[in-house]
PDB file of N, CA and C in Angstrom:
ATOM      1  N   MET A   1     -17.943 -30.469  21.243  1.00  0.00           N
ATOM      2  CA  MET A   1     -16.213 -30.738  21.306  1.00  0.00           C
ATOM      3  C   MET A   1     -15.608 -29.486  20.870  1.00  0.00           C
ATOM      4  N   GLY A   2     -14.476 -29.152  21.474  1.00  0.00           N
ATOM      5  CA  GLY A   2     -13.816 -27.703  21.103  1.00  0.00           C
ATOM      6  C   GLY A   2     -12.824 -27.959  19.907  1.00  0.00           C
ATOM      7  N   ARG A   3     -12.446 -27.094  19.366  1.00  0.00           N
ATOM      8  CA  ARG A   3     -11.721 -27.111  18.083  1.00  0.00           C
ATOM      9  C   ARG A   3     -10.125 -27.151  18.522  1.00  0.00           C
ATOM     10  N   SER A   4      -9.346 -27.626  17.753  1.00  0.00           N
ATOM     11  CA  SER A   4      -7.987 -27.820  18.020  1.00  0.00           C
ATOM     12  C   SER A   4      -7.321 -26.253  17.602  1.00  0.00           C
ATOM     13  N   ALA A   5      -6.041 -25.826  18.254  1.00  0.00           N
ATOM     14  CA  ALA A   5      -5.645 -24.775  17.816  1.00  0.00           C
ATOM     15  C   ALA A   5      -5.161 -24.519  16.431  1.00  0.00           C
ATOM     16  N   ASP A   6      -4.956 -25.500  15.640  1.00  0.00           N
ATOM     17  CA  ASP A   6      -4.552 -25.716  14.373  1.00  0.00           C
ATOM     18  C   ASP A   6      -5.926 -25.323  13.331  1.00  0.00           C
ATOM     19  N   GLU A   7      -6.911 -25.928  13.997  1.00  0.00           N
ATOM     20  CA  GLU A   7      -8.108 -25.804  13.330  1.00  0.00           C
ATOM     21  C   GLU A   7      -8.620 -24.139  13.311  1.00  0.00           C
ATOM     22  N   ILE A   8      -8.506 -23.676  14.368  1.00  0.00           N
ATOM     23  CA  ILE A   8      -8.731 -22.156  14.570  1.00  0.00           C
ATOM     24  C   ILE A   8      -7.757 -21.334  14.000  1.00  0.00           C
ATOM     25  N   ALA A   9      -6.422 -21.631  13.827  1.00  0.00           N
ATOM     26  CA  ALA A   9      -5.706 -20.868  13.098  1.00  0.00           C
ATOM     27  C   ALA A   9      -6.078 -20.991  11.702  1.00  0.00           C
ATOM     28  N   ALA A  10      -6.392 -22.120  11.203  1.00  0.00           N
ATOM     29  CA  ALA A  10      -6.616 -22.182   9.841  1.00  0.00           C
ATOM     30  C   ALA A  10      -7.829 -21.468   9.292  1.00  0.00           C
ATOM     31  N   ALA A  11      -8.797 -21.337  10.378  1.00  0.00           N
ATOM     32  CA  ALA A  11      -9.948 -20.604  10.100  1.00  0.00           C
ATOM     33  C   ALA A  11     -10.109 -19.133   9.981  1.00  0.00           C
ATOM     34  N   ARG A  12      -8.897 -18.609  10.568  1.00  0.00           N
ATOM     35  CA  ARG A  12      -8.603 -17.200  10.579  1.00  0.00           C
ATOM     36  C   ARG A  12      -8.238 -16.644   9.272  1.00  0.00           C
ATOM     37  N   ARG A  13      -8.723 -15.502   8.920  1.00  0.00           N
ATOM     38  CA  ARG A  13      -8.584 -14.928   7.788  1.00  0.00           C
ATOM     39  C   ARG A  13      -7.129 -13.949   8.002  1.00  0.00           C
ATOM     40  N   SER A  14      -6.470 -14.003   6.934  1.00  0.00           N
ATOM     41  CA  SER A  14      -5.247 -13.175   6.866  1.00  0.00           C
ATOM     42  C   SER A  14      -5.833 -11.708   6.486  1.00  0.00           C
ATOM     43  N   LEU A  15      -5.317 -10.653   7.464  1.00  0.00           N
ATOM     44  CA  LEU A  15      -5.720  -9.263   7.089  1.00  0.00           C
ATOM     45  C   LEU A  15      -4.581  -8.469   6.324  1.00  0.00           C
ATOM     46  N   ASP A  16      -3.762  -9.478   5.811  1.00  0.00           N
ATOM     47  CA  ASP A  16      -2.464  -8.863   4.878  1.00  0.00           C
ATOM     48  C   ASP A  16      -1.924  -7.579   5.261  1.00  0.00           C
ATOM     49  N   GLU A  17      -2.056  -6.410   4.313  1.00  0.00           N
ATOM     50  CA  GLU A  17      -1.378  -5.332   4.761  1.00  0.00           C
ATOM     51  C   GLU A  17      -2.017  -4.351   5.514  1.00  0.00           C
ATOM     52  N   ARG A  18      -3.414  -4.658   5.987  1.00  0.00           N
ATOM     53  CA  ARG A  18      -4.292  -3.673   6.592  1.00  0.00           C
ATOM     54  C   ARG A  18      -3.856  -3.778   8.111  1.00  0.00           C
ATOM     55  N   PRO A  19      -3.774  -2.239   8.450  1.00  0.00           N
ATOM     56  CA  PRO A  19      -3.150  -1.846   9.729  1.00  0.00           C
ATOM     57  C   PRO A  19      -4.135  -2.292  10.880  1.00  0.00           C
ATOM     58  N   VAL A  20      -3.468  -2.995  11.793  1.00  0.00           N
ATOM     59  CA  VAL A  20      -4.001  -3.435  13.067  1.00  0.00           C
ATOM     60  C   VAL A  20      -3.132  -3.068  14.263  1.00  0.00           C
ATOM     61  N   ILE A  21      -3.809  -2.674  15.383  1.00  0.00           N
ATOM     62  CA  ILE A  21      -3.053  -2.551  16.518  1.00  0.00           C
ATOM     63  C   ILE A  21      -3.993  -3.135  17.636  1.00  0.00           C
ATOM     64  N   VAL A  22      -3.569  -4.189  18.337  1.00  0.00           N
ATOM     65  CA  VAL A  22      -4.361  -4.748  19.380  1.00  0.00           C
ATOM     66  C   VAL A  22      -3.815  -4.103  20.837  1.00  0.00           C
ATOM     67  N   LEU A  23      -4.570  -3.540  21.433  1.00  0.00           N
ATOM     68  CA  LEU A  23      -4.176  -2.880  22.789  1.00  0.00           C
ATOM     69  C   LEU A  23      -4.636  -3.978  23.972  1.00  0.00           C
ATOM     70  N   GLN A  24      -3.867  -4.011  24.923  1.00  0.00           N
ATOM     71  CA  GLN A  24      -3.918  -4.817  26.082  1.00  0.00           C
ATOM     72  C   GLN A  24      -3.769  -4.102  27.391  1.00  0.00           C
ATOM     73  N   ALA A  25      -4.686  -4.289  28.270  1.00  0.00           N
ATOM     74  CA  ALA A  25      -4.342  -3.662  29.695  1.00  0.00           C
ATOM     75  C   ALA A  25      -3.062  -4.077  30.055  1.00  0.00           C
ATOM     76  N   ASP A  26      -2.523  -3.337  30.831  1.00  0.00           N
ATOM     77  CA  ASP A  26      -1.257  -3.521  31.649  1.00  0.00           C
ATOM     78  C   ASP A  26      -1.345  -5.118  32.305  1.00  0.00           C
ATOM     79  N   ALA A  27      -0.539  -5.728  31.954  1.00  0.00           N
ATOM     80  CA  ALA A  27      -0.486  -7.135  32.271  1.00  0.00           C
ATOM     81  C   ALA A  27       0.801  -7.863  32.130  1.00  0.00           C
ATOM     82  N   ASP A  28       0.757  -9.193  32.650  1.00  0.00           N
ATOM     83  CA  ASP A  28       2.036  -9.915  32.503  1.00  0.00           C
ATOM     84  C   ASP A  28       2.272 -10.334  31.090  1.00  0.00           C
ATOM     85  N   PRO A  29       2.892 -10.039  30.327  1.00  0.00           N
ATOM     86  CA  PRO A  29       3.262 -10.222  28.777  1.00  0.00           C
ATOM     87  C   PRO A  29       3.489 -11.573  28.627  1.00  0.00           C
ATOM     88  N   LYS A  30       3.622 -12.462  29.481  1.00  0.00           N
ATOM     89  CA  LYS A  30       3.648 -13.848  29.281  1.00  0.00           C
ATOM     90  C   LYS A  30       2.420 -14.803  29.595  1.00  0.00           C
ATOM     91  N   ASP A  31       1.382 -14.128  30.064  1.00  0.00           N
ATOM     92  CA  ASP A  31       0.084 -14.977  30.267  1.00  0.00           C
ATOM     93  C   ASP A  31      -0.647 -15.162  28.894  1.00  0.00           C
ATOM     94  N   GLU A  32      -1.632 -16.080  29.195  1.00  0.00           N
ATOM     95  CA  GLU A  32      -2.171 -16.773  27.999  1.00  0.00           C
ATOM     96  C   GLU A  32      -2.873 -15.714  27.169  1.00  0.00           C
ATOM     97  N   ARG A  33      -3.680 -14.643  27.757  1.00  0.00           N
ATOM     98  CA  ARG A  33      -4.472 -13.704  26.857  1.00  0.00           C
ATOM     99  C   ARG A  33      -3.361 -12.932  25.973  1.00  0.00           C
ATOM    100  N   SER A  34      -2.258 -12.542  26.674  1.00  0.00           N
ATOM    101  CA  SER A  34      -1.243 -12.041  25.788  1.00  0.00           C
ATOM    102  C   SER A  34      -0.778 -12.565  24.665  1.00  0.00           C
ATOM    103  N   VAL A  35      -0.708 -13.964  24.646  1.00  0.00           N
ATOM    104  CA  VAL A  35      -0.174 -14.718  23.523  1.00  0.00           C
ATOM    105  C   VAL A  35      -1.156 -14.757  22.494  1.00  0.00           C
ATOM    106  N   GLU A  36      -2.636 -14.707  22.879  1.00  0.00           N
ATOM    107  CA  GLU A  36      -3.586 -14.649  22.096  1.00  0.00           C
ATOM    108  C   GLU A  36      -3.661 -13.389  21.415  1.00  0.00           C
ATOM    109  N   LEU A  37      -3.473 -12.229  21.963  1.00  0.00           N
ATOM    110  CA  LEU A  37      -3.533 -10.916  21.377  1.00  0.00           C
ATOM    111  C   LEU A  37      -2.329 -10.830  20.554  1.00  0.00           C
ATOM    112  N   GLU A  38      -1.291 -11.121  20.937  1.00  0.00           N
ATOM    113  CA  GLU A  38      -0.168 -11.143  19.970  1.00  0.00           C
ATOM    114  C   GLU A  38      -0.367 -11.972  18.617  1.00  0.00           C
ATOM    115  N   SER A  39      -1.078 -13.060  18.715  1.00  0.00           N
ATOM    116  CA  SER A  39      -1.400 -13.895  17.739  1.00  0.00           C
ATOM    117  C   SER A  39      -2.530 -12.876  16.730  1.00  0.00           C
ATOM    118  N   GLN A  40      -3.310 -12.403  17.389  1.00  0.00           N
ATOM    119  CA  GLN A  40      -4.271 -11.700  16.436  1.00  0.00           C
ATOM    120  C   GLN A  40      -3.710 -10.548  15.924  1.00  0.00           C
ATOM    121  N   ALA A  41      -2.721  -9.754  16.344  1.00  0.00           N
ATOM    122  CA  ALA A  41      -2.107  -8.621  15.836  1.00  0.00           C
ATOM    123  C   ALA A  41      -1.231  -9.390  14.750  1.00  0.00           C
ATOM    124  N   ARG A  42      -0.653 -10.481  14.643  1.00  0.00           N
ATOM    125  CA  ARG A  42       0.173 -10.977  13.524  1.00  0.00           C
ATOM    126  C   ARG A  42      -0.810 -11.541  12.383  1.00  0.00           C
ATOM    127  N   ASP A  43      -2.206 -11.380  12.379  1.00  0.00           N
ATOM    128  CA  ASP A  43      -3.079 -11.627  11.297  1.00  0.00           C
ATOM    129  C   ASP A  43      -2.866 -10.684  10.315  1.00  0.00           C
ATOM    130  N   SER A  44      -2.295  -9.557  10.601  1.00  0.00           N
ATOM    131  CA  SER A  44      -1.927  -8.399   9.632  1.00  0.00           C
ATOM    132  C   SER A  44      -0.268  -8.301   9.632  1.00  0.00           C
ATOM    133  N   ARG A  45       0.315  -8.248   8.228  1.00  0.00           N
ATOM    134  CA  ARG A  45       1.503  -7.953   8.421  1.00  0.00           C
ATOM    135  C   ARG A  45       2.161  -6.890   8.812  1.00  0.00           C
ATOM    136  N   ILE A  46       1.491  -6.163   9.009  1.00  0.00           N
ATOM    137  CA  ILE A  46       1.887  -4.768   9.714  1.00  0.00           C
ATOM    138  C   ILE A  46       1.080  -4.652  10.943  1.00  0.00           C
ATOM    139  N   GLY A  47       0.452  -5.546  11.686  1.00  0.00           N
ATOM    140  CA  GLY A  47      -0.066  -5.540  12.930  1.00  0.00           C
ATOM    141  C   GLY A  47       0.843  -5.388  13.899  1.00  0.00           C
ATOM    142  N   ARG A  48       0.615  -4.928  15.122  1.00  0.00           N
ATOM    143  CA  ARG A  48       1.203  -4.993  16.385  1.00  0.00           C
ATOM    144  C   ARG A  48       0.373  -5.193  17.863  1.00  0.00           C
ATOM    145  N   HIS A  49       0.993  -5.585  18.732  1.00  0.00           N
ATOM    146  CA  HIS A  49       0.405  -5.860  19.933  1.00  0.00           C
ATOM    147  C   HIS A  49       1.014  -4.997  20.964  1.00  0.00           C
ATOM    148  N   GLN A  50       0.111  -4.059  21.500  1.00  0.00           N
ATOM    149  CA  GLN A  50       0.562  -3.076  22.506  1.00  0.00           C
ATOM    150  C   GLN A  50       0.102  -3.133  23.844  1.00  0.00           C
ATOM    151  N   ILE A  51       0.825  -3.335  24.949  1.00  0.00           N
ATOM    152  CA  ILE A  51       0.362  -3.359  26.309  1.00  0.00           C
ATOM    153  C   ILE A  51       0.524  -1.978  26.701  1.00  0.00           C
ATOM    154  N   VAL A  52      -0.782  -1.578  27.187  1.00  0.00           N
ATOM    155  CA  VAL A  52      -0.944  -0.133  27.544  1.00  0.00           C
ATOM    156  C   VAL A  52      -0.507  -0.014  29.169  1.00  0.00           C
ATOM    157  N   GLU A  53       0.432   0.654  29.570  1.00  0.00           N
ATOM    158  CA  GLU A  53       1.021   0.695  31.024  1.00  0.00           C
ATOM    159  C   GLU A  53       0.023   1.545  31.664  1.00  0.00           C
ATOM    160  N   GLY A  54      -0.142   1.126  32.872  1.00  0.00           N
ATOM    161  CA  GLY A  54      -0.912   1.908  33.611  1.00  0.00           C
ATOM    162  C   GLY A  54      -2.608   1.688  33.413  1.00  0.00           C
ATOM    163  N   SER A  55      -3.085   0.962  32.652  1.00  0.00           N
ATOM    164  CA  SER A  55      -4.270   0.553  32.315  1.00  0.00           C
ATOM    165  C   SER A  55      -4.937  -0.601  32.875  1.00  0.00           C
ATOM    166  N   LYS A  56      -6.257  -0.593  33.025  1.00  0.00           N
ATOM    167  CA  LYS A  56      -7.055  -1.758  33.419  1.00  0.00           C
ATOM    168  C   LYS A  56      -7.858  -2.409  32.443  1.00  0.00           C
ATOM    169  N   HIS A  57      -8.844  -3.067  32.559  1.00  0.00           N
ATOM    170  CA  HIS A  57      -9.692  -3.470  31.648  1.00  0.00           C
ATOM    171  C   HIS A  57     -10.313  -2.512  30.512  1.00  0.00           C
ATOM    172  N   TYR A  58     -10.696  -1.455  31.135  1.00  0.00           N
ATOM    173  CA  TYR A  58     -11.405  -0.281  30.153  1.00  0.00           C
ATOM    174  C   TYR A  58     -10.356   0.771  29.833  1.00  0.00           C
ATOM    175  N   ILE A  59      -9.626   0.261  28.728  1.00  0.00           N
ATOM    176  CA  ILE A  59      -8.189   1.145  28.362  1.00  0.00           C
ATOM    177  C   ILE A  59      -8.821   2.393  28.012  1.00  0.00           C
ATOM    178  N   TYR A  60      -9.931   2.427  27.253  1.00  0.00           N
ATOM    179  CA  TYR A  60     -10.365   3.776  26.752  1.00  0.00           C
ATOM    180  C   TYR A  60     -10.829   4.820  27.842  1.00  0.00           C
ATOM    181  N   LEU A  61     -10.984   4.176  29.267  1.00  0.00           N
ATOM    182  CA  LEU A  61     -11.424   5.277  30.246  1.00  0.00           C
ATOM    183  C   LEU A  61      -9.889   5.669  31.107  1.00  0.00           C
ATOM    184  N   ASP A  62      -9.070   4.530  30.827  1.00  0.00           N
ATOM    185  CA  ASP A  62      -7.932   4.856  31.676  1.00  0.00           C
ATOM    186  C   ASP A  62      -6.840   5.570  30.816  1.00  0.00           C
ATOM    187  N   LYS A  63      -6.777   5.321  29.708  1.00  0.00           N
ATOM    188  CA  LYS A  63      -6.024   5.862  28.867  1.00  0.00           C
ATOM    189  C   LYS A  63      -6.270   6.219  27.409  1.00  0.00           C
ATOM    190  N   PRO A  64      -7.275   7.296  27.501  1.00  0.00           N
ATOM    191  CA  PRO A  64      -8.147   7.440  26.075  1.00  0.00           C
ATOM    192  C   PRO A  64      -7.077   8.040  25.081  1.00  0.00           C
ATOM    193  N   GLU A  65      -5.903   8.503  25.500  1.00  0.00           N
ATOM    194  CA  GLU A  65      -4.932   9.008  24.581  1.00  0.00           C
ATOM    195  C   GLU A  65      -4.353   8.010  23.847  1.00  0.00           C
ATOM    196  N   VAL A  66      -4.120   7.004  24.541  1.00  0.00           N
ATOM    197  CA  VAL A  66      -3.593   5.642  23.697  1.00  0.00           C
ATOM    198  C   VAL A  66      -4.531   5.310  22.874  1.00  0.00           C
ATOM    199  N   VAL A  67      -5.682   5.042  23.000  1.00  0.00           N
ATOM    200  CA  VAL A  67      -6.628   4.559  22.163  1.00  0.00           C
ATOM    201  C   VAL A  67      -6.901   5.431  20.904  1.00  0.00           C
ATOM    202  N   LEU A  68      -6.876   6.732  21.365  1.00  0.00           N
ATOM    203  CA  LEU A  68      -7.183   7.798  20.008  1.00  0.00           C
ATOM    204  C   LEU A  68      -5.917   8.008  19.149  1.00  0.00           C
ATOM    205  N   SER A  69      -4.742   7.596  19.729  1.00  0.00           N
ATOM    206  CA  SER A  69      -3.471   7.552  18.963  1.00  0.00           C
ATOM    207  C   SER A  69      -3.434   6.317  18.024  1.00  0.00           C
ATOM    208  N   ALA A  70      -4.042   5.248  18.660  1.00  0.00           N
ATOM    209  CA  ALA A  70      -3.941   3.994  17.807  1.00  0.00           C
ATOM    210  C   ALA A  70      -4.876   4.085  16.713  1.00  0.00           C
ATOM    211  N   PHE A  71      -6.037   4.644  17.099  1.00  0.00           N
ATOM    212  CA  PHE A  71      -7.193   4.785  15.887  1.00  0.00           C
ATOM    213  C   PHE A  71      -6.577   5.934  14.848  1.00  0.00           C
ATOM    214  N   ARG A  72      -5.979   6.946  15.311  1.00  0.00           N
ATOM    215  CA  ARG A  72      -5.382   7.639  14.212  1.00  0.00           C
ATOM    216  C   ARG A  72      -4.458   7.062  13.274  1.00  0.00           C
ATOM    217  N   GLU A  73      -3.431   6.398  14.021  1.00  0.00           N
ATOM    218  CA  GLU A  73      -2.514   5.490  13.345  1.00  0.00           C
ATOM    219  C   GLU A  73      -2.940   4.599  12.234  1.00  0.00           C
ATOM    220  N   ILE A  74      -4.036   3.901  12.790  1.00  0.00           N
ATOM    221  CA  ILE A  74      -4.686   3.154  11.837  1.00  0.00           C
ATOM    222  C   ILE A  74      -5.327   3.532  10.449  1.00  0.00           C
ATOM    223  N   VAL A  75      -5.994   4.811  10.899  1.00  0.00           N
ATOM    224  CA  VAL A  75      -6.791   5.607   9.806  1.00  0.00           C
ATOM    225  C   VAL A  75      -5.498   5.912   9.008  1.00  0.00           C
ATOM    226  N   GLU A  76      -4.660   6.751   9.381  1.00  0.00           N
ATOM    227  CA  GLU A  76      -3.643   7.266   8.690  1.00  0.00           C
ATOM    228  C   GLU A  76      -3.072   6.075   7.841  1.00  0.00           C
ATOM    229  N   ALA A  77      -2.606   5.036   8.198  1.00  0.00           N
ATOM    230  CA  ALA A  77      -1.954   3.937   7.496  1.00  0.00           C
ATOM    231  C   ALA A  77      -2.890   3.583   6.456  1.00  0.00           C
ATOM    232  N   ALA A  78      -4.142   3.436   6.850  1.00  0.00           N
ATOM    233  CA  ALA A  78      -5.046   2.800   5.902  1.00  0.00           C
ATOM    234  C   ALA A  78      -5.293   3.958   4.590  1.00  0.00           C
ATOM    235  N   ARG A  79      -5.537   5.147   5.021  1.00  0.00           N
ATOM    236  CA  ARG A  79      -5.322   6.071   3.767  1.00  0.00           C
ATOM    237  C   ARG A  79      -4.243   6.285   3.054  1.00  0.00           C
ATOM    238  N   LYS A  80      -3.164   5.681   3.516  1.00  0.00           N
ATOM    239  CA  LYS A  80      -1.746   5.804   2.631  1.00  0.00           C
ATOM    240  C   LYS A  80      -1.781   4.578   1.819  1.00  0.00           C
ATOM    241  N   ALA A  81      -2.160   3.550   2.549  1.00  0.00           N
ATOM    242  CA  ALA A  81      -2.161   2.168   1.494  1.00  0.00           C
ATOM    243  C   ALA A  81      -3.403   2.224   0.627  1.00  0.00           C
ATOM    244  N   ASN A  82      -4.334   2.870   0.946  1.00  0.00           N
ATOM    245  CA  ASN A  82      -5.541   2.718   0.015  1.00  0.00           C
ATOM    246  C   ASN A  82      -6.303   1.597   0.339  1.00  0.00           C
ATOM    247  N   VAL A  83      -6.333   0.980   1.752  1.00  0.00           N
ATOM    248  CA  VAL A  83      -6.749  -0.128   1.913  1.00  0.00           C
ATOM    249  C   VAL A  83      -8.737  -0.249   2.003  1.00  0.00           C
ATOM    250  N   ALA A  84      -9.096  -1.036   1.312  1.00  0.00           N
ATOM    251  CA  ALA A  84     -10.488  -1.109   1.467  1.00  0.00           C
ATOM    252  C   ALA A  84     -10.872  -2.289   2.401  1.00  0.00           C
ATOM    253  N   PRO A  85     -11.841  -2.213   3.234  1.00  0.00           N
ATOM    254  CA  PRO A  85     -12.072  -3.331   4.195  1.00  0.00           C
ATOM    255  C   PRO A  85     -12.667  -4.635   3.357  1.00  0.00           C
ATOM    256  N   LYS A  86     -12.174  -5.834   3.994  1.00  0.00           N
ATOM    257  CA  LYS A  86     -12.785  -7.111   3.438  1.00  0.00           C
ATOM    258  C   LYS A  86     -14.102  -7.212   3.756  1.00  0.00           C
ATOM    259  N   PRO A  87     -14.738  -7.852   2.514  1.00  0.00           N
ATOM    260  CA  PRO A  87     -16.443  -8.004   2.587  1.00  0.00           C
ATOM    261  C   PRO A  87     -16.679  -9.134   3.695  1.00  0.00           C
TER     262      PRO A  87
END
């Protein structure tokens, strides 16, 4: 038996102020996958969901500069906030 959306939401852990960037391949922002990815980004108070224009499934191949930029942004934000990973 599947779990309800409320059960899944309750089971998710908050990422508080940990930096999160959820990248998504170029798609219609109104589809179900976009809604789920947006929800994942909101697990952090400073998270964001970014649709990468001109990319397909393998964003790191189509737009490596976007992936590297997101990675650098997360590392820099974590360093500034001195955020340790959750166990």
